[in-house]
Amino acid sequence: AGDYNHKIEKKDDKQWELFLEANKQGLTYSKIRVWIDAKDKRPLKAEFLTLSGKTIKTASYEDYRNTLGMMRPSKIHIVDNLKKDQYS
């Protein structure tokens, strides 16, 4: 949490859209846009951006389960936006 400064870009009853910008050098992603469920504060989706703002990866956080005492996504689907056929 200390690696990024955040700004709320949009906020409604269903979800929040946050924009994170690195506050130090050497992080893997300098900018991240994250969608958060407004009710339970869980991440729904994230876009990982280049310095110029181009989306290079998109992640969706799915199938939340109680793991190690907390609700966590049991599935994270990551798509490489530069090579759409590559995902994990």
C-alpha atoms as a PDB file:
ATOM      1  CA  ALA A   1       0.000   0.000   0.000  1.00  0.00           C
ATOM      2  CA  GLY A   2       2.901   2.370   0.655  1.00  0.00           C
ATOM      3  CA  ASP A   3       4.275   1.952  -2.867  1.00  0.00           C
ATOM      4  CA  TYR A   4       1.438   3.812  -4.601  1.00  0.00           C
ATOM      5  CA  ASN A   5      -0.458   7.069  -4.282  1.00  0.00           C
ATOM      6  CA  HIS A   6      -4.157   6.629  -5.007  1.00  0.00           C
ATOM      7  CA  LYS A   7      -6.959   8.714  -6.415  1.00  0.00           C
ATOM      8  CA  ILE A   8     -10.642   7.800  -6.557  1.00  0.00           C
ATOM      9  CA  GLU A   9     -11.688   8.305 -10.194  1.00  0.00           C
ATOM     10  CA  LYS A  10     -15.318   7.149  -9.891  1.00  0.00           C
ATOM     11  CA  LYS A  11     -17.472   6.050  -7.007  1.00  0.00           C
ATOM     12  CA  ASP A  12     -21.049   4.797  -6.937  1.00  0.00           C
ATOM     13  CA  ASP A  13     -23.178   2.358  -4.926  1.00  0.00           C
ATOM     14  CA  LYS A  14     -21.821  -0.693  -6.778  1.00  0.00           C
ATOM     15  CA  GLN A  15     -18.110  -0.055  -7.253  1.00  0.00           C
ATOM     16  CA  TRP A  16     -15.199   2.319  -6.896  1.00  0.00           C
ATOM     17  CA  GLU A  17     -12.595   2.955  -9.545  1.00  0.00           C
ATOM     18  CA  LEU A  18      -9.162   3.803  -8.134  1.00  0.00           C
ATOM     19  CA  PHE A  19      -6.080   5.005  -9.958  1.00  0.00           C
ATOM     20  CA  LEU A  20      -2.759   4.061  -8.354  1.00  0.00           C
ATOM     21  CA  GLU A  21       0.513   5.715  -9.295  1.00  0.00           C
ATOM     22  CA  ALA A  22       3.907   4.519  -8.076  1.00  0.00           C
ATOM     23  CA  ASN A  23       5.601   6.837  -5.616  1.00  0.00           C
ATOM     24  CA  LYS A  24       9.046   5.269  -6.043  1.00  0.00           C
ATOM     25  CA  GLN A  25      11.246   3.837  -8.770  1.00  0.00           C
ATOM     26  CA  GLY A  26      11.699   0.161  -9.568  1.00  0.00           C
ATOM     27  CA  LEU A  27       8.149  -1.145  -9.188  1.00  0.00           C
ATOM     28  CA  THR A  28       6.902  -3.601 -11.798  1.00  0.00           C
ATOM     29  CA  TYR A  29       3.948  -1.360 -12.734  1.00  0.00           C
ATOM     30  CA  SER A  30       4.065   2.408 -12.458  1.00  0.00           C
ATOM     31  CA  LYS A  31       0.299   2.825 -12.860  1.00  0.00           C
ATOM     32  CA  ILE A  32      -2.640   0.579 -11.970  1.00  0.00           C
ATOM     33  CA  ARG A  33      -6.371   1.135 -12.317  1.00  0.00           C
ATOM     34  CA  VAL A  34      -8.455  -1.008  -9.907  1.00  0.00           C
ATOM     35  CA  TRP A  35     -12.193  -1.590  -9.620  1.00  0.00           C
ATOM     36  CA  ILE A  36     -13.364  -2.350  -6.065  1.00  0.00           C
ATOM     37  CA  ASP A  37     -16.728  -3.739  -4.953  1.00  0.00           C
ATOM     38  CA  ALA A  38     -18.280  -0.905  -2.911  1.00  0.00           C
ATOM     39  CA  LYS A  39     -20.112  -3.257  -0.542  1.00  0.00           C
ATOM     40  CA  ASP A  40     -17.360  -5.640   0.560  1.00  0.00           C
ATOM     41  CA  LYS A  41     -14.245  -3.714  -0.601  1.00  0.00           C
ATOM     42  CA  ARG A  42     -12.905  -6.644  -2.655  1.00  0.00           C
ATOM     43  CA  PRO A  43     -11.024  -6.042  -5.909  1.00  0.00           C
ATOM     44  CA  LEU A  44     -13.001  -6.995  -9.022  1.00  0.00           C
ATOM     45  CA  LYS A  45     -10.661  -6.054 -11.841  1.00  0.00           C
ATOM     46  CA  ALA A  46      -7.319  -4.305 -12.420  1.00  0.00           C
ATOM     47  CA  GLU A  47      -5.518  -2.825 -15.404  1.00  0.00           C
ATOM     48  CA  PHE A  48      -1.739  -2.582 -15.261  1.00  0.00           C
ATOM     49  CA  LEU A  49      -0.442   0.355 -17.288  1.00  0.00           C
ATOM     50  CA  THR A  50       2.770   1.576 -18.890  1.00  0.00           C
ATOM     51  CA  LEU A  51       4.198   5.005 -18.056  1.00  0.00           C
ATOM     52  CA  SER A  52       2.330   6.408 -21.080  1.00  0.00           C
ATOM     53  CA  GLY A  53      -0.974   4.931 -19.858  1.00  0.00           C
ATOM     54  CA  LYS A  54      -1.286   1.976 -22.249  1.00  0.00           C
ATOM     55  CA  THR A  55      -2.887  -1.115 -20.684  1.00  0.00           C
ATOM     56  CA  ILE A  56      -0.442  -4.013 -20.789  1.00  0.00           C
ATOM     57  CA  LYS A  57      -2.249  -6.536 -18.558  1.00  0.00           C
ATOM     58  CA  THR A  58      -5.777  -6.960 -17.259  1.00  0.00           C
ATOM     59  CA  ALA A  59      -6.670  -9.054 -14.232  1.00  0.00           C
ATOM     60  CA  SER A  60     -10.044 -10.200 -12.945  1.00  0.00           C
ATOM     61  CA  TYR A  61     -10.435 -11.440  -9.367  1.00  0.00           C
ATOM     62  CA  GLU A  62     -13.055 -14.183  -9.071  1.00  0.00           C
ATOM     63  CA  ASP A  63     -14.581 -16.913  -6.945  1.00  0.00           C
ATOM     64  CA  TYR A  64     -13.890 -15.486  -3.484  1.00  0.00           C
ATOM     65  CA  ARG A  65     -13.508 -18.081  -0.716  1.00  0.00           C
ATOM     66  CA  ASN A  66     -12.565 -18.016   2.936  1.00  0.00           C
ATOM     67  CA  THR A  67      -8.872 -18.919   2.915  1.00  0.00           C
ATOM     68  CA  LEU A  68      -6.507 -18.494   5.863  1.00  0.00           C
ATOM     69  CA  GLY A  69      -9.192 -16.603   7.769  1.00  0.00           C
ATOM     70  CA  MET A  70      -9.967 -14.056   5.039  1.00  0.00           C
ATOM     71  CA  MET A  71     -12.078 -13.851   1.913  1.00  0.00           C
ATOM     72  CA  ARG A  72      -9.653 -14.133  -1.010  1.00  0.00           C
ATOM     73  CA  PRO A  73     -10.069 -14.689  -4.749  1.00  0.00           C
ATOM     74  CA  SER A  74      -9.484 -18.341  -5.590  1.00  0.00           C
ATOM     75  CA  LYS A  75      -9.146 -17.390  -9.261  1.00  0.00           C
ATOM     76  CA  ILE A  76      -7.193 -14.530 -10.789  1.00  0.00           C
ATOM     77  CA  HIS A  77      -7.393 -14.417 -14.576  1.00  0.00           C
ATOM     78  CA  ILE A  78      -4.614 -12.306 -16.144  1.00  0.00           C
ATOM     79  CA  VAL A  79      -4.593 -11.395 -19.838  1.00  0.00           C
ATOM     80  CA  ASP A  80      -1.548  -9.973 -21.622  1.00  0.00           C
ATOM     81  CA  ASN A  81      -3.039  -7.112 -23.633  1.00  0.00           C
ATOM     82  CA  LEU A  82      -0.006  -6.975 -25.911  1.00  0.00           C
ATOM     83  CA  LYS A  83      -0.432 -10.653 -26.846  1.00  0.00           C
ATOM     84  CA  LYS A  84      -4.138 -11.374 -26.388  1.00  0.00           C
ATOM     85  CA  ASP A  85      -3.690 -15.128 -26.782  1.00  0.00           C
ATOM     86  CA  GLN A  86      -1.450 -15.248 -23.688  1.00  0.00           C
ATOM     87  CA  TYR A  87      -3.080 -15.469 -20.284  1.00  0.00           C
ATOM     88  CA  SER A  88      -2.652 -17.077 -16.913  1.00  0.00           C
END
